[in-house]
């Protein structure tokens, strides 16, 4: 009976030590067992939310969703283990030149910030929206991958942009999950 009690005590101690060790990591935000997205330099770019949505932590501590897509070879097949930043979104502006007072639409994933990714001449830029209730805005221009287009439209369901990051420059592709 004492042998069982001693064995149980040792097992509990080992389990507690293992659980404590599993929390130790060079980066406290990413446990060793966490799957992360690495850029081409080996730097952690984001945490994984799902197969195409990553959570990027900006310098100011804001966590925002960023999308990735596969890299394709010359025959149109996905290259194993590599991805690039997705683009193709749009950002709406109250200025006529796509420079000031940007707004983005909410995303369908619960609990993530509104965000959009646009291909610019400098790379794929992530525009991060504020948390909170959407508003109605008079839009004077829209930034697409193809450039800035002047419009005048009243649009609802928008969140003001509170942060931007050039994903291509900050976390250069190709990207890989590790």
C-alpha atoms as a PDB file:
ATOM      1  CA  UNK A   1       0.000   0.000   0.000  1.00  0.00           C
ATOM      2  CA  UNK A   2       2.848   2.391   0.863  1.00  0.00           C
ATOM      3  CA  UNK A   3       4.499   1.596  -2.481  1.00  0.00           C
ATOM      4  CA  UNK A   4       1.325   2.666  -4.305  1.00  0.00           C
ATOM      5  CA  UNK A   5       1.143   5.898  -2.327  1.00  0.00           C
ATOM      6  CA  UNK A   6       4.816   6.610  -3.046  1.00  0.00           C
ATOM      7  CA  UNK A   7       4.350   5.840  -6.759  1.00  0.00           C
ATOM      8  CA  UNK A   8       1.283   8.089  -6.911  1.00  0.00           C
ATOM      9  CA  UNK A   9       3.190  10.924  -5.196  1.00  0.00           C
ATOM     10  CA  UNK A  10       6.075  10.596  -7.651  1.00  0.00           C
ATOM     11  CA  UNK A  11       3.672  10.534 -10.612  1.00  0.00           C
ATOM     12  CA  UNK A  12       1.940  13.712  -9.378  1.00  0.00           C
ATOM     13  CA  UNK A  13       5.297  15.458  -8.882  1.00  0.00           C
ATOM     14  CA  UNK A  14       6.496  14.468 -12.374  1.00  0.00           C
ATOM     15  CA  UNK A  15       3.211  15.603 -13.951  1.00  0.00           C
ATOM     16  CA  UNK A  16       3.373  18.956 -12.146  1.00  0.00           C
ATOM     17  CA  UNK A  17       6.996  19.475 -13.249  1.00  0.00           C
ATOM     18  CA  UNK A  18       6.100  18.548 -16.839  1.00  0.00           C
ATOM     19  CA  UNK A  19       3.192  21.006 -16.884  1.00  0.00           C
ATOM     20  CA  UNK A  20       5.415  23.765 -15.523  1.00  0.00           C
ATOM     21  CA  UNK A  21       8.133  22.971 -18.060  1.00  0.00           C
ATOM     22  CA  UNK A  22       5.638  23.035 -20.922  1.00  0.00           C
ATOM     23  CA  UNK A  23       4.884  26.679 -20.073  1.00  0.00           C
ATOM     24  CA  UNK A  24       8.557  27.712 -20.224  1.00  0.00           C
ATOM     25  CA  UNK A  25       9.480  29.311 -23.559  1.00  0.00           C
ATOM     26  CA  UNK A  26      11.758  31.957 -25.014  1.00  0.00           C
ATOM     27  CA  UNK A  27       8.624  33.894 -25.990  1.00  0.00           C
ATOM     28  CA  UNK A  28       5.983  33.827 -23.230  1.00  0.00           C
ATOM     29  CA  UNK A  29       3.237  34.532 -25.778  1.00  0.00           C
ATOM     30  CA  UNK A  30       4.017  31.343 -27.687  1.00  0.00           C
ATOM     31  CA  UNK A  31       4.327  28.075 -25.750  1.00  0.00           C
ATOM     32  CA  UNK A  32       6.831  25.632 -27.263  1.00  0.00           C
ATOM     33  CA  UNK A  33       3.994  23.421 -28.466  1.00  0.00           C
ATOM     34  CA  UNK A  34       2.184  26.279 -30.272  1.00  0.00           C
ATOM     35  CA  UNK A  35       2.110  26.289 -34.063  1.00  0.00           C
ATOM     36  CA  UNK A  36       3.416  29.605 -35.368  1.00  0.00           C
ATOM     37  CA  UNK A  37       3.949  31.241 -38.737  1.00  0.00           C
ATOM     38  CA  UNK A  38       7.603  31.955 -39.532  1.00  0.00           C
ATOM     39  CA  UNK A  39       8.833  34.428 -42.130  1.00  0.00           C
ATOM     40  CA  UNK A  40      11.758  33.828 -44.501  1.00  0.00           C
ATOM     41  CA  UNK A  41      14.245  35.037 -41.860  1.00  0.00           C
ATOM     42  CA  UNK A  42      12.982  32.560 -39.249  1.00  0.00           C
ATOM     43  CA  UNK A  43      11.229  35.259 -37.189  1.00  0.00           C
ATOM     44  CA  UNK A  44       7.804  34.458 -35.693  1.00  0.00           C
ATOM     45  CA  UNK A  45       5.288  36.411 -37.752  1.00  0.00           C
ATOM     46  CA  UNK A  46       2.014  35.273 -36.204  1.00  0.00           C
ATOM     47  CA  UNK A  47       0.051  32.682 -34.270  1.00  0.00           C
ATOM     48  CA  UNK A  48      -2.327  30.374 -36.103  1.00  0.00           C
ATOM     49  CA  UNK A  49      -6.086  30.931 -35.777  1.00  0.00           C
ATOM     50  CA  UNK A  50      -7.098  28.532 -38.568  1.00  0.00           C
ATOM     51  CA  UNK A  51      -5.677  27.218 -41.842  1.00  0.00           C
ATOM     52  CA  UNK A  52      -5.549  30.640 -43.561  1.00  0.00           C
ATOM     53  CA  UNK A  53      -6.036  33.192 -40.771  1.00  0.00           C
ATOM     54  CA  UNK A  54      -3.039  34.186 -38.659  1.00  0.00           C
ATOM     55  CA  UNK A  55      -2.981  36.482 -35.628  1.00  0.00           C
ATOM     56  CA  UNK A  56      -0.262  39.126 -35.964  1.00  0.00           C
ATOM     57  CA  UNK A  57       0.788  41.116 -32.885  1.00  0.00           C
ATOM     58  CA  UNK A  58       1.683  44.684 -33.846  1.00  0.00           C
ATOM     59  CA  UNK A  59       4.295  46.805 -32.039  1.00  0.00           C
ATOM     60  CA  UNK A  60       1.613  48.542 -29.972  1.00  0.00           C
ATOM     61  CA  UNK A  61       0.267  45.208 -28.676  1.00  0.00           C
ATOM     62  CA  UNK A  62      -2.760  45.136 -30.984  1.00  0.00           C
ATOM     63  CA  UNK A  63      -3.539  41.612 -32.233  1.00  0.00           C
ATOM     64  CA  UNK A  64      -5.045  41.511 -35.714  1.00  0.00           C
ATOM     65  CA  UNK A  65      -6.011  38.812 -38.209  1.00  0.00           C
ATOM     66  CA  UNK A  66      -3.930  38.469 -41.372  1.00  0.00           C
ATOM     67  CA  UNK A  67      -4.627  36.063 -44.220  1.00  0.00           C
ATOM     68  CA  UNK A  68      -2.148  33.814 -46.032  1.00  0.00           C
ATOM     69  CA  UNK A  69      -2.421  31.775 -49.225  1.00  0.00           C
ATOM     70  CA  UNK A  70      -0.319  29.007 -50.816  1.00  0.00           C
ATOM     71  CA  UNK A  71       2.671  29.638 -53.063  1.00  0.00           C
ATOM     72  CA  UNK A  72       2.143  28.103 -56.524  1.00  0.00           C
ATOM     73  CA  UNK A  73       4.793  26.706 -58.877  1.00  0.00           C
ATOM     74  CA  UNK A  74       4.970  27.357 -62.631  1.00  0.00           C
ATOM     75  CA  UNK A  75       2.521  24.480 -63.249  1.00  0.00           C
ATOM     76  CA  UNK A  76      -0.056  25.997 -60.893  1.00  0.00           C
ATOM     77  CA  UNK A  77       0.459  23.457 -58.107  1.00  0.00           C
ATOM     78  CA  UNK A  78       0.756  24.518 -54.467  1.00  0.00           C
ATOM     79  CA  UNK A  79       4.347  24.387 -53.208  1.00  0.00           C
ATOM     80  CA  UNK A  80       4.529  22.201 -50.124  1.00  0.00           C
ATOM     81  CA  UNK A  81       4.999  24.032 -46.838  1.00  0.00           C
ATOM     82  CA  UNK A  82       5.177  27.606 -48.183  1.00  0.00           C
ATOM     83  CA  UNK A  83       2.720  30.508 -48.125  1.00  0.00           C
ATOM     84  CA  UNK A  84       2.589  34.233 -48.871  1.00  0.00           C
ATOM     85  CA  UNK A  85       0.486  37.084 -47.510  1.00  0.00           C
ATOM     86  CA  UNK A  86      -2.975  37.296 -49.085  1.00  0.00           C
ATOM     87  CA  UNK A  87      -4.176  40.522 -50.671  1.00  0.00           C
ATOM     88  CA  UNK A  88      -7.287  41.587 -52.498  1.00  0.00           C
ATOM     89  CA  UNK A  89      -9.107  43.571 -49.846  1.00  0.00           C
ATOM     90  CA  UNK A  90     -10.060  47.217 -49.853  1.00  0.00           C
ATOM     91  CA  UNK A  91      -9.808  50.156 -47.477  1.00  0.00           C
ATOM     92  CA  UNK A  92     -12.273  53.033 -47.598  1.00  0.00           C
ATOM     93  CA  UNK A  93     -11.127  56.603 -46.901  1.00  0.00           C
ATOM     94  CA  UNK A  94     -12.824  59.898 -46.089  1.00  0.00           C
ATOM     95  CA  UNK A  95      -9.994  61.696 -47.946  1.00  0.00           C
ATOM     96  CA  UNK A  96     -10.060  61.873 -51.750  1.00  0.00           C
ATOM     97  CA  UNK A  97      -6.518  60.447 -52.117  1.00  0.00           C
ATOM     98  CA  UNK A  98      -6.584  57.219 -50.020  1.00  0.00           C
ATOM     99  CA  UNK A  99      -4.223  58.729 -47.453  1.00  0.00           C
ATOM    100  CA  UNK A 100      -6.200  59.824 -44.393  1.00  0.00           C
ATOM    101  CA  UNK A 101      -9.001  58.467 -42.217  1.00  0.00           C
ATOM    102  CA  UNK A 102      -9.178  54.863 -43.416  1.00  0.00           C
ATOM    103  CA  UNK A 103     -12.027  52.469 -42.608  1.00  0.00           C
ATOM    104  CA  UNK A 104     -12.452  48.685 -42.955  1.00  0.00           C
ATOM    105  CA  UNK A 105     -15.332  46.237 -42.786  1.00  0.00           C
ATOM    106  CA  UNK A 106     -15.747  43.694 -40.003  1.00  0.00           C
ATOM    107  CA  UNK A 107     -14.648  40.105 -40.585  1.00  0.00           C
ATOM    108  CA  UNK A 108     -16.968  37.109 -40.152  1.00  0.00           C
ATOM    109  CA  UNK A 109     -14.790  35.420 -37.488  1.00  0.00           C
ATOM    110  CA  UNK A 110     -16.090  36.023 -33.975  1.00  0.00           C
ATOM    111  CA  UNK A 111     -13.787  37.976 -31.687  1.00  0.00           C
ATOM    112  CA  UNK A 112     -11.269  39.245 -34.273  1.00  0.00           C
ATOM    113  CA  UNK A 113     -10.770  42.862 -35.270  1.00  0.00           C
ATOM    114  CA  UNK A 114     -11.935  44.323 -38.547  1.00  0.00           C
ATOM    115  CA  UNK A 115      -9.027  44.232 -40.999  1.00  0.00           C
ATOM    116  CA  UNK A 116      -8.120  44.354 -44.688  1.00  0.00           C
ATOM    117  CA  UNK A 117      -4.989  43.525 -46.667  1.00  0.00           C
ATOM    118  CA  UNK A 118      -4.093  45.484 -49.795  1.00  0.00           C
ATOM    119  CA  UNK A 119      -1.197  44.992 -52.219  1.00  0.00           C
ATOM    120  CA  UNK A 120       0.700  48.271 -52.579  1.00  0.00           C
ATOM    121  CA  UNK A 121       3.920  49.112 -54.409  1.00  0.00           C
ATOM    122  CA  UNK A 122       5.737  48.602 -51.059  1.00  0.00           C
ATOM    123  CA  UNK A 123       4.132  45.195 -50.353  1.00  0.00           C
ATOM    124  CA  UNK A 124       1.010  43.748 -48.730  1.00  0.00           C
ATOM    125  CA  UNK A 125      -0.220  46.192 -46.082  1.00  0.00           C
ATOM    126  CA  UNK A 126      -2.529  45.136 -43.240  1.00  0.00           C
ATOM    127  CA  UNK A 127      -5.036  47.812 -42.169  1.00  0.00           C
ATOM    128  CA  UNK A 128      -6.406  47.094 -38.682  1.00  0.00           C
ATOM    129  CA  UNK A 129      -9.760  48.414 -37.524  1.00  0.00           C
ATOM    130  CA  UNK A 130     -10.906  49.522 -34.103  1.00  0.00           C
ATOM    131  CA  UNK A 131     -12.833  47.274 -31.741  1.00  0.00           C
ATOM    132  CA  UNK A 132     -16.443  48.291 -31.213  1.00  0.00           C
ATOM    133  CA  UNK A 133     -19.638  49.150 -32.985  1.00  0.00           C
ATOM    134  CA  UNK A 134     -19.496  49.901 -36.693  1.00  0.00           C
ATOM    135  CA  UNK A 135     -20.370  53.344 -37.994  1.00  0.00           C
ATOM    136  CA  UNK A 136     -21.645  55.057 -41.141  1.00  0.00           C
ATOM    137  CA  UNK A 137     -19.106  57.176 -43.053  1.00  0.00           C
ATOM    138  CA  UNK A 138     -19.023  59.333 -46.184  1.00  0.00           C
ATOM    139  CA  UNK A 139     -16.357  57.625 -48.300  1.00  0.00           C
ATOM    140  CA  UNK A 140     -14.344  59.752 -50.769  1.00  0.00           C
ATOM    141  CA  UNK A 141     -11.880  57.105 -52.023  1.00  0.00           C
ATOM    142  CA  UNK A 142     -11.254  53.355 -51.946  1.00  0.00           C
ATOM    143  CA  UNK A 143      -7.840  51.686 -52.017  1.00  0.00           C
ATOM    144  CA  UNK A 144      -7.747  48.406 -53.962  1.00  0.00           C
ATOM    145  CA  UNK A 145      -4.799  46.258 -55.075  1.00  0.00           C
ATOM    146  CA  UNK A 146      -5.086  48.092 -58.400  1.00  0.00           C
ATOM    147  CA  UNK A 147      -4.810  51.550 -56.789  1.00  0.00           C
ATOM    148  CA  UNK A 148      -6.889  54.386 -55.402  1.00  0.00           C
ATOM    149  CA  UNK A 149     -10.316  55.164 -56.847  1.00  0.00           C
ATOM    150  CA  UNK A 150     -12.217  58.359 -56.039  1.00  0.00           C
ATOM    151  CA  UNK A 151     -15.879  57.894 -55.121  1.00  0.00           C
ATOM    152  CA  UNK A 152     -18.532  59.629 -53.092  1.00  0.00           C
ATOM    153  CA  UNK A 153     -20.733  57.222 -51.219  1.00  0.00           C
ATOM    154  CA  UNK A 154     -22.238  56.923 -47.763  1.00  0.00           C
ATOM    155  CA  UNK A 155     -21.342  53.483 -46.359  1.00  0.00           C
ATOM    156  CA  UNK A 156     -22.327  51.797 -43.123  1.00  0.00           C
ATOM    157  CA  UNK A 157     -20.740  48.903 -41.232  1.00  0.00           C
ATOM    158  CA  UNK A 158     -17.249  50.446 -41.095  1.00  0.00           C
ATOM    159  CA  UNK A 159     -14.556  50.564 -38.397  1.00  0.00           C
ATOM    160  CA  UNK A 160     -11.837  53.234 -38.315  1.00  0.00           C
ATOM    161  CA  UNK A 161      -8.291  52.061 -39.039  1.00  0.00           C
ATOM    162  CA  UNK A 162      -6.201  52.296 -35.857  1.00  0.00           C
ATOM    163  CA  UNK A 163      -2.987  50.633 -37.069  1.00  0.00           C
ATOM    164  CA  UNK A 164      -1.206  49.547 -40.242  1.00  0.00           C
ATOM    165  CA  UNK A 165       1.727  47.241 -40.876  1.00  0.00           C
ATOM    166  CA  UNK A 166       3.525  46.375 -44.083  1.00  0.00           C
ATOM    167  CA  UNK A 167       3.438  42.578 -43.750  1.00  0.00           C
ATOM    168  CA  UNK A 168       5.805  41.999 -46.694  1.00  0.00           C
ATOM    169  CA  UNK A 169       8.493  44.259 -45.228  1.00  0.00           C
ATOM    170  CA  UNK A 170       8.034  43.304 -41.565  1.00  0.00           C
ATOM    171  CA  UNK A 171       7.639  39.548 -42.183  1.00  0.00           C
ATOM    172  CA  UNK A 172       9.075  38.776 -45.640  1.00  0.00           C
ATOM    173  CA  UNK A 173       7.713  35.707 -47.431  1.00  0.00           C
ATOM    174  CA  UNK A 174       7.863  32.878 -48.068  1.00  0.00           C
ATOM    175  CA  UNK A 175       6.073  31.941 -44.867  1.00  0.00           C
ATOM    176  CA  UNK A 176       5.844  28.535 -43.216  1.00  0.00           C
ATOM    177  CA  UNK A 177       4.016  26.961 -40.306  1.00  0.00           C
ATOM    178  CA  UNK A 178       6.261  25.454 -37.621  1.00  0.00           C
END
